[in-house]
């Protein structure tokens, strides 16, 4: 690349709004000091409004800095808002989970109370069942004794019955 390269030769023909100027461009790339910005060539068909190249490039740089700062600021605001929404969502989810925990604890407490009542009832029924079995056994024994005692043909004439 030459020290002063015509950028229009890299991109094709110059734009139509520059057609009244000569084909040699006032823009060049400085090979010794490459920057993303193009500088003006001194003395090459420079239009009157481009004569103060330092102030124009400074204004362009300042404008780009302002644009970048504005983008950064918008991005910061957007990120803050996104983080705020994320925190609120997390807080809502946490509140919902705590609500579920409280409901489940209450449900568990009620079920434990019902279980205790059923266990107490079961114990009472088991005790009553054992008593009834014992009474049934005693009654069966009494009936058996009575039947043995009544098996003799003359049991109704016995002396011990008065």
C-alpha atoms as a PDB file:
ATOM      1  CA  UNK A   1       0.000   0.000   0.000  1.00  0.00           C
ATOM      2  CA  UNK A   2       1.246   3.484  -0.807  1.00  0.00           C
ATOM      3  CA  UNK A   3       1.648   6.118   1.887  1.00  0.00           C
ATOM      4  CA  UNK A   4      -1.395   7.881   0.534  1.00  0.00           C
ATOM      5  CA  UNK A   5      -4.067   5.510  -0.835  1.00  0.00           C
ATOM      6  CA  UNK A   6      -7.216   6.764  -2.513  1.00  0.00           C
ATOM      7  CA  UNK A   7     -10.088   5.142  -0.609  1.00  0.00           C
ATOM      8  CA  UNK A   8     -12.413   5.421  -3.596  1.00  0.00           C
ATOM      9  CA  UNK A   9     -10.157   3.061  -5.496  1.00  0.00           C
ATOM     10  CA  UNK A  10     -10.786   0.516  -2.711  1.00  0.00           C
ATOM     11  CA  UNK A  11     -14.566   0.923  -2.776  1.00  0.00           C
ATOM     12  CA  UNK A  12     -15.235   1.723  -6.438  1.00  0.00           C
ATOM     13  CA  UNK A  13     -16.252   5.098  -7.832  1.00  0.00           C
ATOM     14  CA  UNK A  14     -16.824   8.110  -5.586  1.00  0.00           C
ATOM     15  CA  UNK A  15     -20.339   8.832  -4.393  1.00  0.00           C
ATOM     16  CA  UNK A  16     -22.536  10.926  -6.682  1.00  0.00           C
ATOM     17  CA  UNK A  17     -22.638  13.887  -4.302  1.00  0.00           C
ATOM     18  CA  UNK A  18     -18.858  14.298  -4.817  1.00  0.00           C
ATOM     19  CA  UNK A  19     -19.037  14.190  -8.616  1.00  0.00           C
ATOM     20  CA  UNK A  20     -18.293  17.920  -9.028  1.00  0.00           C
ATOM     21  CA  UNK A  21     -14.857  17.355  -7.426  1.00  0.00           C
ATOM     22  CA  UNK A  22     -11.864  15.840  -9.186  1.00  0.00           C
ATOM     23  CA  UNK A  23     -11.448  12.063  -8.934  1.00  0.00           C
ATOM     24  CA  UNK A  24      -8.461  12.353  -6.631  1.00  0.00           C
ATOM     25  CA  UNK A  25      -9.840  12.090  -3.095  1.00  0.00           C
ATOM     26  CA  UNK A  26      -9.045  14.423  -0.227  1.00  0.00           C
ATOM     27  CA  UNK A  27      -9.090  11.364   2.068  1.00  0.00           C
ATOM     28  CA  UNK A  28      -6.123   9.124   2.615  1.00  0.00           C
ATOM     29  CA  UNK A  29      -4.914   6.445   4.979  1.00  0.00           C
ATOM     30  CA  UNK A  30      -1.775   7.365   6.881  1.00  0.00           C
ATOM     31  CA  UNK A  31       0.340   4.213   6.761  1.00  0.00           C
ATOM     32  CA  UNK A  32       2.796   5.396   9.424  1.00  0.00           C
ATOM     33  CA  UNK A  33      -0.004   6.197  11.908  1.00  0.00           C
ATOM     34  CA  UNK A  34      -2.945   3.868  11.119  1.00  0.00           C
ATOM     35  CA  UNK A  35      -6.167   4.790  12.884  1.00  0.00           C
ATOM     36  CA  UNK A  36      -9.761   3.879  12.181  1.00  0.00           C
ATOM     37  CA  UNK A  37     -10.304   7.481  11.041  1.00  0.00           C
ATOM     38  CA  UNK A  38      -9.191   8.977   7.755  1.00  0.00           C
ATOM     39  CA  UNK A  39      -7.292  12.237   7.711  1.00  0.00           C
ATOM     40  CA  UNK A  40      -7.360  14.946   5.100  1.00  0.00           C
ATOM     41  CA  UNK A  41      -4.573  15.339   2.575  1.00  0.00           C
ATOM     42  CA  UNK A  42      -3.316  18.863   2.584  1.00  0.00           C
ATOM     43  CA  UNK A  43      -3.512  20.686  -0.726  1.00  0.00           C
ATOM     44  CA  UNK A  44      -5.506  18.125  -2.761  1.00  0.00           C
ATOM     45  CA  UNK A  45      -8.686  19.836  -3.981  1.00  0.00           C
ATOM     46  CA  UNK A  46      -9.924  20.383  -0.431  1.00  0.00           C
ATOM     47  CA  UNK A  47     -13.401  21.972  -0.354  1.00  0.00           C
ATOM     48  CA  UNK A  48     -13.791  25.163   1.677  1.00  0.00           C
ATOM     49  CA  UNK A  49     -15.884  23.517   4.457  1.00  0.00           C
ATOM     50  CA  UNK A  50     -13.180  20.866   5.004  1.00  0.00           C
ATOM     51  CA  UNK A  51     -10.347  23.323   5.489  1.00  0.00           C
ATOM     52  CA  UNK A  52     -10.280  23.073   9.283  1.00  0.00           C
ATOM     53  CA  UNK A  53      -9.551  19.355   9.398  1.00  0.00           C
ATOM     54  CA  UNK A  54      -8.509  19.310  13.058  1.00  0.00           C
ATOM     55  CA  UNK A  55     -11.758  20.751  14.358  1.00  0.00           C
ATOM     56  CA  UNK A  56     -13.827  18.524  12.061  1.00  0.00           C
ATOM     57  CA  UNK A  57     -12.044  15.343  13.124  1.00  0.00           C
ATOM     58  CA  UNK A  58     -12.216  16.458  16.760  1.00  0.00           C
ATOM     59  CA  UNK A  59     -15.939  17.074  16.372  1.00  0.00           C
ATOM     60  CA  UNK A  60     -16.364  13.677  14.687  1.00  0.00           C
ATOM     61  CA  UNK A  61     -14.435  11.982  17.467  1.00  0.00           C
ATOM     62  CA  UNK A  62     -16.439  13.891  20.084  1.00  0.00           C
ATOM     63  CA  UNK A  63     -19.686  12.943  18.338  1.00  0.00           C
ATOM     64  CA  UNK A  64     -18.641   9.276  18.234  1.00  0.00           C
ATOM     65  CA  UNK A  65     -17.708   9.412  21.920  1.00  0.00           C
ATOM     66  CA  UNK A  66     -21.078  10.970  22.705  1.00  0.00           C
ATOM     67  CA  UNK A  67     -22.856   8.278  20.692  1.00  0.00           C
ATOM     68  CA  UNK A  68     -20.861   5.538  22.405  1.00  0.00           C
ATOM     69  CA  UNK A  69     -21.472   7.055  25.845  1.00  0.00           C
ATOM     70  CA  UNK A  70     -25.178   7.330  25.092  1.00  0.00           C
ATOM     71  CA  UNK A  71     -25.244   3.683  23.991  1.00  0.00           C
ATOM     72  CA  UNK A  72     -23.347   2.651  27.130  1.00  0.00           C
ATOM     73  CA  UNK A  73     -25.747   4.669  29.270  1.00  0.00           C
ATOM     74  CA  UNK A  74     -28.791   3.094  27.589  1.00  0.00           C
ATOM     75  CA  UNK A  75     -27.230  -0.344  28.011  1.00  0.00           C
ATOM     76  CA  UNK A  76     -26.594   0.352  31.717  1.00  0.00           C
ATOM     77  CA  UNK A  77     -30.187   1.476  32.198  1.00  0.00           C
ATOM     78  CA  UNK A  78     -31.435  -1.553  30.282  1.00  0.00           C
ATOM     79  CA  UNK A  79     -29.245  -3.885  32.363  1.00  0.00           C
ATOM     80  CA  UNK A  80     -30.396  -2.260  35.611  1.00  0.00           C
ATOM     81  CA  UNK A  81     -34.030  -2.629  34.589  1.00  0.00           C
ATOM     82  CA  UNK A  82     -33.458  -6.239  33.575  1.00  0.00           C
ATOM     83  CA  UNK A  83     -31.724  -6.960  36.891  1.00  0.00           C
ATOM     84  CA  UNK A  84     -34.583  -5.261  38.772  1.00  0.00           C
ATOM     85  CA  UNK A  85     -37.134  -7.402  36.910  1.00  0.00           C
ATOM     86  CA  UNK A  86     -35.071 -10.517  37.659  1.00  0.00           C
ATOM     87  CA  UNK A  87     -34.920  -9.638  41.369  1.00  0.00           C
ATOM     88  CA  UNK A  88     -38.667  -9.005  41.465  1.00  0.00           C
ATOM     89  CA  UNK A  89     -39.355 -12.312  39.698  1.00  0.00           C
ATOM     90  CA  UNK A  90     -37.065 -14.137  42.124  1.00  0.00           C
ATOM     91  CA  UNK A  91     -38.775 -12.422  45.074  1.00  0.00           C
ATOM     92  CA  UNK A  92     -42.231 -13.448  43.759  1.00  0.00           C
ATOM     93  CA  UNK A  93     -41.066 -17.029  43.277  1.00  0.00           C
ATOM     94  CA  UNK A  94     -39.585 -17.075  46.777  1.00  0.00           C
ATOM     95  CA  UNK A  95     -42.827 -15.676  48.229  1.00  0.00           C
ATOM     96  CA  UNK A  96     -44.811 -18.344  46.386  1.00  0.00           C
ATOM     97  CA  UNK A  97     -42.510 -21.061  47.709  1.00  0.00           C
ATOM     98  CA  UNK A  98     -42.850 -19.747  51.282  1.00  0.00           C
ATOM     99  CA  UNK A  99     -46.607 -19.700  50.849  1.00  0.00           C
ATOM    100  CA  UNK A 100     -46.483 -23.323  49.717  1.00  0.00           C
ATOM    101  CA  UNK A 101     -44.255 -24.207  52.677  1.00  0.00           C
ATOM    102  CA  UNK A 102     -46.723 -22.637  55.106  1.00  0.00           C
ATOM    103  CA  UNK A 103     -49.701 -24.349  53.451  1.00  0.00           C
ATOM    104  CA  UNK A 104     -47.916 -27.730  53.475  1.00  0.00           C
ATOM    105  CA  UNK A 105     -46.910 -27.307  57.132  1.00  0.00           C
ATOM    106  CA  UNK A 106     -50.511 -26.533  58.045  1.00  0.00           C
ATOM    107  CA  UNK A 107     -51.740 -29.511  56.007  1.00  0.00           C
ATOM    108  CA  UNK A 108     -49.121 -31.734  57.668  1.00  0.00           C
ATOM    109  CA  UNK A 109     -50.212 -30.532  61.126  1.00  0.00           C
ATOM    110  CA  UNK A 110     -53.861 -31.296  60.363  1.00  0.00           C
ATOM    111  CA  UNK A 111     -53.003 -34.730  58.994  1.00  0.00           C
ATOM    112  CA  UNK A 112     -50.929 -35.519  62.096  1.00  0.00           C
ATOM    113  CA  UNK A 113     -53.869 -34.531  64.304  1.00  0.00           C
ATOM    114  CA  UNK A 114     -56.188 -36.820  62.303  1.00  0.00           C
ATOM    115  CA  UNK A 115     -53.642 -39.625  62.493  1.00  0.00           C
ATOM    116  CA  UNK A 116     -53.379 -39.243  66.277  1.00  0.00           C
ATOM    117  CA  UNK A 117     -57.182 -39.365  66.588  1.00  0.00           C
ATOM    118  CA  UNK A 118     -57.361 -42.476  64.428  1.00  0.00           C
ATOM    119  CA  UNK A 119     -54.575 -44.142  66.429  1.00  0.00           C
ATOM    120  CA  UNK A 120     -56.342 -43.371  69.718  1.00  0.00           C
ATOM    121  CA  UNK A 121     -59.595 -44.742  68.323  1.00  0.00           C
ATOM    122  CA  UNK A 122     -57.795 -47.809  67.067  1.00  0.00           C
ATOM    123  CA  UNK A 123     -56.276 -48.427  70.519  1.00  0.00           C
ATOM    124  CA  UNK A 124     -59.693 -48.060  72.160  1.00  0.00           C
ATOM    125  CA  UNK A 125     -61.303 -50.414  69.660  1.00  0.00           C
ATOM    126  CA  UNK A 126     -58.477 -52.925  70.116  1.00  0.00           C
ATOM    127  CA  UNK A 127     -58.893 -52.828  73.924  1.00  0.00           C
ATOM    128  CA  UNK A 128     -62.679 -53.157  73.637  1.00  0.00           C
ATOM    129  CA  UNK A 129     -62.259 -56.032  71.202  1.00  0.00           C
ATOM    130  CA  UNK A 130     -59.925 -57.808  73.646  1.00  0.00           C
ATOM    131  CA  UNK A 131     -62.475 -57.322  76.466  1.00  0.00           C
ATOM    132  CA  UNK A 132     -65.291 -58.657  74.290  1.00  0.00           C
ATOM    133  CA  UNK A 133     -63.210 -61.693  73.319  1.00  0.00           C
ATOM    134  CA  UNK A 134     -62.528 -62.378  76.984  1.00  0.00           C
ATOM    135  CA  UNK A 135     -66.219 -62.033  77.857  1.00  0.00           C
ATOM    136  CA  UNK A 136     -67.137 -64.272  74.926  1.00  0.00           C
ATOM    137  CA  UNK A 137     -64.674 -66.875  76.137  1.00  0.00           C
ATOM    138  CA  UNK A 138     -66.104 -66.736  79.674  1.00  0.00           C
ATOM    139  CA  UNK A 139     -69.662 -66.991  78.392  1.00  0.00           C
ATOM    140  CA  UNK A 140     -68.758 -69.939  76.190  1.00  0.00           C
ATOM    141  CA  UNK A 141     -67.188 -71.612  79.195  1.00  0.00           C
ATOM    142  CA  UNK A 142     -70.321 -71.019  81.267  1.00  0.00           C
ATOM    143  CA  UNK A 143     -72.530 -72.407  78.526  1.00  0.00           C
ATOM    144  CA  UNK A 144     -70.291 -75.431  78.227  1.00  0.00           C
ATOM    145  CA  UNK A 145     -70.415 -75.987  81.967  1.00  0.00           C
ATOM    146  CA  UNK A 146     -74.189 -75.676  81.964  1.00  0.00           C
ATOM    147  CA  UNK A 147     -74.541 -78.102  79.126  1.00  0.00           C
ATOM    148  CA  UNK A 148     -72.387 -80.683  80.918  1.00  0.00           C
ATOM    149  CA  UNK A 149     -74.325 -80.186  84.089  1.00  0.00           C
ATOM    150  CA  UNK A 150     -77.644 -80.537  82.286  1.00  0.00           C
ATOM    151  CA  UNK A 151     -76.710 -83.697  80.450  1.00  0.00           C
ATOM    152  CA  UNK A 152     -77.714 -86.052  83.273  1.00  0.00           C
ATOM    153  CA  UNK A 153     -81.334 -87.308  82.814  1.00  0.00           C
ATOM    154  CA  UNK A 154     -82.402 -86.592  86.373  1.00  0.00           C
ATOM    155  CA  UNK A 155     -80.653 -83.317  86.859  1.00  0.00           C
ATOM    156  CA  UNK A 156     -83.812 -81.523  87.663  1.00  0.00           C
ATOM    157  CA  UNK A 157     -84.364 -83.878  90.741  1.00  0.00           C
ATOM    158  CA  UNK A 158     -81.064 -83.389  92.313  1.00  0.00           C
ATOM    159  CA  UNK A 159     -80.848 -82.557  95.985  1.00  0.00           C
ATOM    160  CA  UNK A 160     -78.477 -79.632  95.669  1.00  0.00           C
ATOM    161  CA  UNK A 161     -80.972 -77.598  93.704  1.00  0.00           C
ATOM    162  CA  UNK A 162     -83.470 -76.018  96.020  1.00  0.00           C
END
